[in-house]
Amino acid sequence: MSDDLGTPGLRLEREGAIAWCVIDRPAARNAFTPAMYWGMKKAVALVNSDADLAALIITGVDDVFAPGGDLGGRSEPGEEPVPDGLGHDLLPFLAIRDSVAPVIAAVNGICQAGGLLVAMMADIAVASDRAVFRVPELLRGIPDATFAAVLPAHVGIAVARDLALSARRFDAAEAQRLGVLSRVVPHDDLRSAALEAASQILQTAPEARAHFKRMINERYGIIDYPTMFGALDRSPEPREGMLAFMEKRDPAWIPKDLPS
């Protein structure tokens, strides 16, 4: 399998037995194109199929890890076409969660939406103390099925409601305290801390580790994509939410007379 992930927005770099998947689309603040989501799934498959690689670390460039999908629907020149009809199979989240090879998220900055799901699905997420987080899907009219399953499993129902329904921003210290992720380190130590986390996981027995991961992953429950995609098909809200975002205005559903 080639190290080319099919998009200039992702780079695969090898460091001995460790592969780095670097989200590198700074002009769009690392927003995912469909080909980037598909390419990240390719990166997971590559590490699991290459005898010279033992673990994958995912990180971003500059002050952004990943803000989620590109709401403008833009793509990058030179991207390989994504196969038609993939639906949720395009997304890398379950591949990250179920990977036999350890996956580490090195969260270097802004992390929200699909980027936050990448971090939560990784075996260990190590965050810079400068990282900031958000669950903004409902601001755009998207009833995200993955967050509905994953977020309560990490933080409990009450906090999941708070983070998703308010779409408020929270910092790395709160993310660690709530259980969104497990490790926060000084920004300049992030690379070494991610490598250390990968090395620690690789000390454990692979077969026992795989069994343990399967048992843990069952706690996420069912990710109800049919309900989510049905709602997206029937509702005008996602289109209005994305248009409002692109036009830098409030979506039409916000009441006009909210007290300040």
Protein backbone atom coordinates (compact mmCIF):
# COMPACT_ATOMS: atom_id res chain seq x y z
CA MET A 1 0.00 0.00 0.00
CA SER A 2 1.33 3.42 -0.97
CA ASP A 3 2.09 6.06 1.66
CA ASP A 4 0.16 8.53 -0.52
CA LEU A 5 -3.17 9.14 1.24
CA GLY A 6 -4.86 10.57 -1.84
CA THR A 7 -4.99 14.19 -0.76
CA PRO A 8 -2.47 17.01 -0.23
CA GLY A 9 -4.33 17.78 3.01
CA LEU A 10 -2.77 14.76 4.74
CA ARG A 11 0.87 13.69 4.99
CA LEU A 12 2.10 10.29 6.15
CA GLU A 13 5.54 10.44 7.75
CA ARG A 14 7.52 7.48 9.07
CA GLU A 15 9.63 7.66 12.22
CA GLY A 16 10.96 4.15 12.74
CA ALA A 17 8.01 1.93 13.66
CA ILE A 18 5.73 4.96 14.17
CA ALA A 19 3.66 6.55 11.41
CA TRP A 20 2.52 10.16 11.70
CA CYS A 21 -0.64 11.25 9.88
CA VAL A 22 -0.29 15.04 9.71
CA ILE A 23 -3.38 17.10 8.94
CA ASP A 24 -1.84 19.80 6.74
CA ARG A 25 -4.39 22.12 5.15
CA PRO A 26 -3.54 25.42 6.83
CA ALA A 27 -5.23 27.65 4.24
CA ALA A 28 -8.57 26.09 5.30
CA ARG A 29 -7.63 25.77 8.98
CA ASN A 30 -7.26 21.99 8.55
CA ALA A 31 -10.95 21.48 7.70
CA PHE A 32 -11.57 17.99 6.35
CA THR A 33 -12.53 17.43 2.74
CA PRO A 34 -14.23 14.09 1.94
CA ALA A 35 -10.91 12.90 0.52
CA MET A 36 -9.17 13.80 3.79
CA TYR A 37 -11.65 11.76 5.82
CA TRP A 38 -11.13 8.87 3.39
CA GLY A 39 -7.36 9.40 3.48
CA MET A 40 -7.27 9.17 7.27
CA LYS A 41 -9.09 5.86 7.02
CA LYS A 42 -6.43 4.78 4.52
CA ALA A 43 -3.71 5.77 7.02
CA VAL A 44 -5.21 3.48 9.65
CA ALA A 45 -5.41 0.60 7.15
CA LEU A 46 -1.83 1.21 6.04
CA VAL A 47 -0.44 1.00 9.56
CA ASN A 48 -2.39 -2.18 10.22
CA SER A 49 -1.09 -3.83 7.04
CA ASP A 50 2.56 -2.72 7.07
CA ALA A 51 4.87 -5.02 9.03
CA ASP A 52 7.35 -2.16 9.46
CA LEU A 53 4.83 0.01 11.33
CA ALA A 54 3.48 -0.54 14.82
CA ALA A 55 1.44 2.57 15.71
CA LEU A 56 -0.13 5.70 14.23
CA ILE A 57 -0.02 9.23 15.66
CA ILE A 58 -2.44 11.81 14.25
CA THR A 59 -1.67 15.51 14.62
CA GLY A 60 -2.20 18.85 12.89
CA VAL A 61 -0.14 21.81 11.76
CA ASP A 62 0.15 25.28 13.29
CA ASP A 63 -2.46 25.99 16.00
CA VAL A 64 -5.16 23.67 14.64
CA PHE A 65 -5.66 19.95 15.11
CA ALA A 66 -8.91 19.66 13.12
CA PRO A 67 -12.16 21.67 13.17
CA GLY A 68 -14.28 19.03 11.40
CA GLY A 69 -15.58 18.96 7.85
CA ASP A 70 -15.24 21.81 5.39
CA LEU A 71 -18.70 23.39 5.51
CA GLY A 72 -18.04 25.22 2.27
CA GLY A 73 -17.86 21.92 0.41
CA ARG A 74 -14.43 22.80 -0.95
CA SER A 75 -11.84 20.25 -2.03
CA GLU A 76 -8.13 20.43 -2.80
CA PRO A 77 -6.54 20.26 -6.27
CA GLY A 78 -4.99 16.87 -6.87
CA GLU A 79 -7.24 14.92 -4.53
CA GLU A 80 -8.19 11.43 -5.61
CA PRO A 81 -11.95 10.97 -6.14
CA VAL A 82 -13.76 9.35 -3.24
CA PRO A 83 -15.78 6.25 -4.17
CA ASP A 84 -19.50 6.97 -4.62
CA GLY A 85 -22.11 5.67 -2.21
CA LEU A 86 -19.91 5.37 0.87
CA GLY A 87 -22.17 7.31 3.25
CA HIS A 88 -20.86 7.01 6.79
CA ASP A 89 -18.31 4.42 5.57
CA LEU A 90 -16.31 7.38 4.29
CA LEU A 91 -15.60 8.47 7.86
CA PRO A 92 -12.51 7.25 9.74
CA PHE A 93 -13.90 7.21 13.27
CA LEU A 94 -14.76 3.53 13.61
CA ALA A 95 -11.54 2.53 11.82
CA ILE A 96 -9.58 4.53 14.42
CA ARG A 97 -11.58 3.02 17.28
CA ASP A 98 -11.20 -0.56 16.02
CA SER A 99 -7.59 -0.36 14.84
CA VAL A 100 -5.41 -3.24 16.00
CA ALA A 101 -2.37 -0.98 15.77
CA PRO A 102 -2.46 1.69 18.50
CA VAL A 103 -3.68 5.13 17.43
CA ILE A 104 -2.61 8.24 19.35
CA ALA A 105 -4.09 11.70 18.84
CA ALA A 106 -1.59 14.51 19.45
CA VAL A 107 -3.99 17.44 19.77
CA ASN A 108 -1.95 20.54 19.05
CA GLY A 109 -4.68 23.19 18.94
CA ILE A 110 -8.30 23.79 17.89
CA CYS A 111 -10.17 20.49 18.05
CA GLN A 112 -13.87 20.26 17.36
CA ALA A 113 -16.55 18.35 15.47
CA GLY A 114 -14.91 15.57 13.43
CA GLY A 115 -11.52 16.48 14.85
CA LEU A 116 -12.81 15.89 18.37
CA LEU A 117 -14.25 12.53 17.32
CA VAL A 118 -10.81 11.55 15.98
CA ALA A 119 -9.31 12.41 19.38
CA MET A 120 -11.96 10.54 21.37
CA MET A 121 -11.78 7.44 19.18
CA ALA A 122 -7.98 7.23 19.50
CA ASP A 123 -6.55 4.83 22.09
CA ILE A 124 -4.92 7.77 23.88
CA ALA A 125 -5.40 11.47 23.18
CA VAL A 126 -2.58 13.72 24.36
CA ALA A 127 -3.46 17.41 24.22
CA SER A 128 -1.36 20.53 24.27
CA ASP A 129 -2.26 22.84 27.12
CA ARG A 130 -3.16 25.36 24.38
CA ALA A 131 -5.80 23.12 22.79
CA VAL A 132 -9.46 24.20 22.76
CA PHE A 133 -12.49 22.03 22.12
CA ARG A 134 -16.11 22.28 20.98
CA VAL A 135 -19.05 20.12 19.89
CA PRO A 136 -20.66 22.49 17.33
CA GLU A 137 -22.84 20.12 15.28
CA LEU A 138 -26.20 21.36 16.58
CA LEU A 139 -25.25 24.92 15.67
CA ARG A 140 -25.27 23.70 12.06
CA GLY A 141 -28.46 21.63 12.35
CA ILE A 142 -26.67 18.27 12.36
CA PRO A 143 -27.89 15.59 14.87
CA ASP A 144 -24.56 13.77 14.88
CA ALA A 145 -25.01 10.06 15.67
CA THR A 146 -21.36 9.44 16.53
CA PHE A 147 -21.29 12.17 19.17
CA ALA A 148 -24.63 10.92 20.57
CA ALA A 149 -23.00 7.53 21.24
CA VAL A 150 -19.42 8.50 22.05
CA LEU A 151 -19.73 11.66 24.13
CA PRO A 152 -21.92 10.21 26.93
CA ALA A 153 -19.62 7.19 27.13
CA HIS A 154 -16.70 9.52 27.87
CA VAL A 155 -18.27 12.18 30.07
CA GLY A 156 -21.70 10.93 31.21
CA ILE A 157 -25.14 12.00 30.06
CA ALA A 158 -25.41 15.29 31.96
CA VAL A 159 -22.08 16.64 30.70
CA ALA A 160 -22.72 15.33 27.18
CA ARG A 161 -25.97 17.31 27.12
CA ASP A 162 -24.14 20.40 28.35
CA LEU A 163 -21.34 20.22 25.77
CA ALA A 164 -23.55 19.32 22.79
CA LEU A 165 -26.65 21.40 23.49
CA SER A 166 -24.72 24.54 24.46
CA ALA A 167 -21.92 24.03 21.88
CA ARG A 168 -19.68 25.95 24.28
CA ARG A 169 -15.91 26.02 24.02
CA PHE A 170 -13.80 24.36 26.70
CA ASP A 171 -10.08 24.18 27.30
CA ALA A 172 -7.66 21.27 27.64
CA ALA A 173 -7.75 21.24 31.43
CA GLU A 174 -11.56 20.91 31.43
CA ALA A 175 -11.41 18.30 28.65
CA GLN A 176 -9.10 16.19 30.81
CA ARG A 177 -11.18 16.73 33.97
CA LEU A 178 -14.40 15.73 32.20
CA GLY A 179 -12.90 12.62 30.61
CA VAL A 180 -12.95 13.79 26.99
CA LEU A 181 -9.24 12.87 26.89
CA SER A 182 -6.67 11.59 29.36
CA ARG A 183 -3.43 13.55 29.02
CA VAL A 184 -2.53 17.24 28.83
CA VAL A 185 1.07 18.40 28.49
CA PRO A 186 2.91 21.67 27.87
CA HIS A 187 2.64 22.57 24.20
CA ASP A 188 6.35 22.14 23.49
CA ASP A 189 6.26 18.62 24.96
CA LEU A 190 3.41 17.35 22.78
CA ARG A 191 5.47 15.44 20.22
CA SER A 192 7.55 13.61 22.81
CA ALA A 193 4.46 12.91 24.93
CA ALA A 194 2.66 11.37 21.94
CA LEU A 195 5.66 9.16 21.16
CA GLU A 196 5.82 8.14 24.80
CA ALA A 197 2.14 7.17 24.78
CA ALA A 198 2.64 5.05 21.66
CA SER A 199 5.68 3.37 23.20
CA GLN A 200 3.79 2.61 26.41
CA ILE A 201 0.91 0.96 24.54
CA LEU A 202 3.34 -1.13 22.50
CA GLN A 203 4.71 -2.67 25.70
CA THR A 204 1.38 -4.48 26.15
CA ALA A 205 0.54 -7.85 24.60
CA PRO A 206 -1.17 -7.34 21.21
CA GLU A 207 -3.79 -10.09 21.45
CA ALA A 208 -4.77 -9.24 25.01
CA ARG A 209 -4.85 -5.55 24.06
CA ALA A 210 -7.18 -6.27 21.13
CA HIS A 211 -9.58 -8.24 23.36
CA PHE A 212 -9.58 -5.45 25.95
CA LYS A 213 -10.25 -2.82 23.30
CA ARG A 214 -13.22 -4.77 21.94
CA MET A 215 -14.75 -4.95 25.43
CA ILE A 216 -14.18 -1.25 26.01
CA ASN A 217 -15.60 -0.29 22.62
CA GLU A 218 -18.86 -2.09 23.39
CA ARG A 219 -19.55 0.63 25.94
CA TYR A 220 -20.14 3.10 23.11
CA GLY A 221 -23.32 1.29 22.17
CA ILE A 222 -25.05 1.63 18.80
CA ILE A 223 -24.14 4.53 16.53
CA ASP A 224 -27.48 5.25 14.85
CA TYR A 225 -26.46 6.46 11.40
CA PRO A 226 -29.81 5.64 9.72
CA THR A 227 -31.66 8.03 12.05
CA MET A 228 -29.02 10.70 11.57
CA PHE A 229 -28.94 10.54 7.78
CA GLY A 230 -32.74 10.33 7.65
CA ALA A 231 -32.95 13.55 9.66
CA LEU A 232 -30.41 15.20 7.38
CA ASP A 233 -32.45 14.20 4.31
CA ARG A 234 -35.77 15.42 5.72
CA SER A 235 -34.80 18.62 7.51
CA PRO A 236 -33.90 22.03 6.04
CA GLU A 237 -31.85 22.83 9.12
CA PRO A 238 -28.44 21.52 7.97
CA ARG A 239 -28.59 23.62 4.80
CA GLU A 240 -29.63 26.71 6.75
CA GLY A 241 -26.96 26.09 9.38
CA MET A 242 -24.21 25.77 6.81
CA LEU A 243 -25.43 28.78 4.79
CA ALA A 244 -25.54 30.88 7.95
CA PHE A 245 -22.00 29.83 8.79
CA MET A 246 -20.73 30.69 5.31
CA GLU A 247 -22.62 34.01 5.27
CA LYS A 248 -21.44 34.87 8.83
CA ARG A 249 -24.96 35.37 10.17
CA ASP A 250 -27.24 33.78 12.74
CA PRO A 251 -29.35 30.87 11.48
CA ALA A 252 -33.05 31.61 11.10
CA TRP A 253 -34.07 29.40 14.04
CA ILE A 254 -32.49 31.68 16.69
CA PRO A 255 -35.18 33.78 18.43
CA LYS A 256 -34.88 37.50 17.75
CA ASP A 257 -35.60 38.66 21.31
CA LEU A 258 -33.19 36.63 23.41
CA PRO A 259 -32.20 38.54 26.57
CA SER A 260 -28.50 39.32 26.83
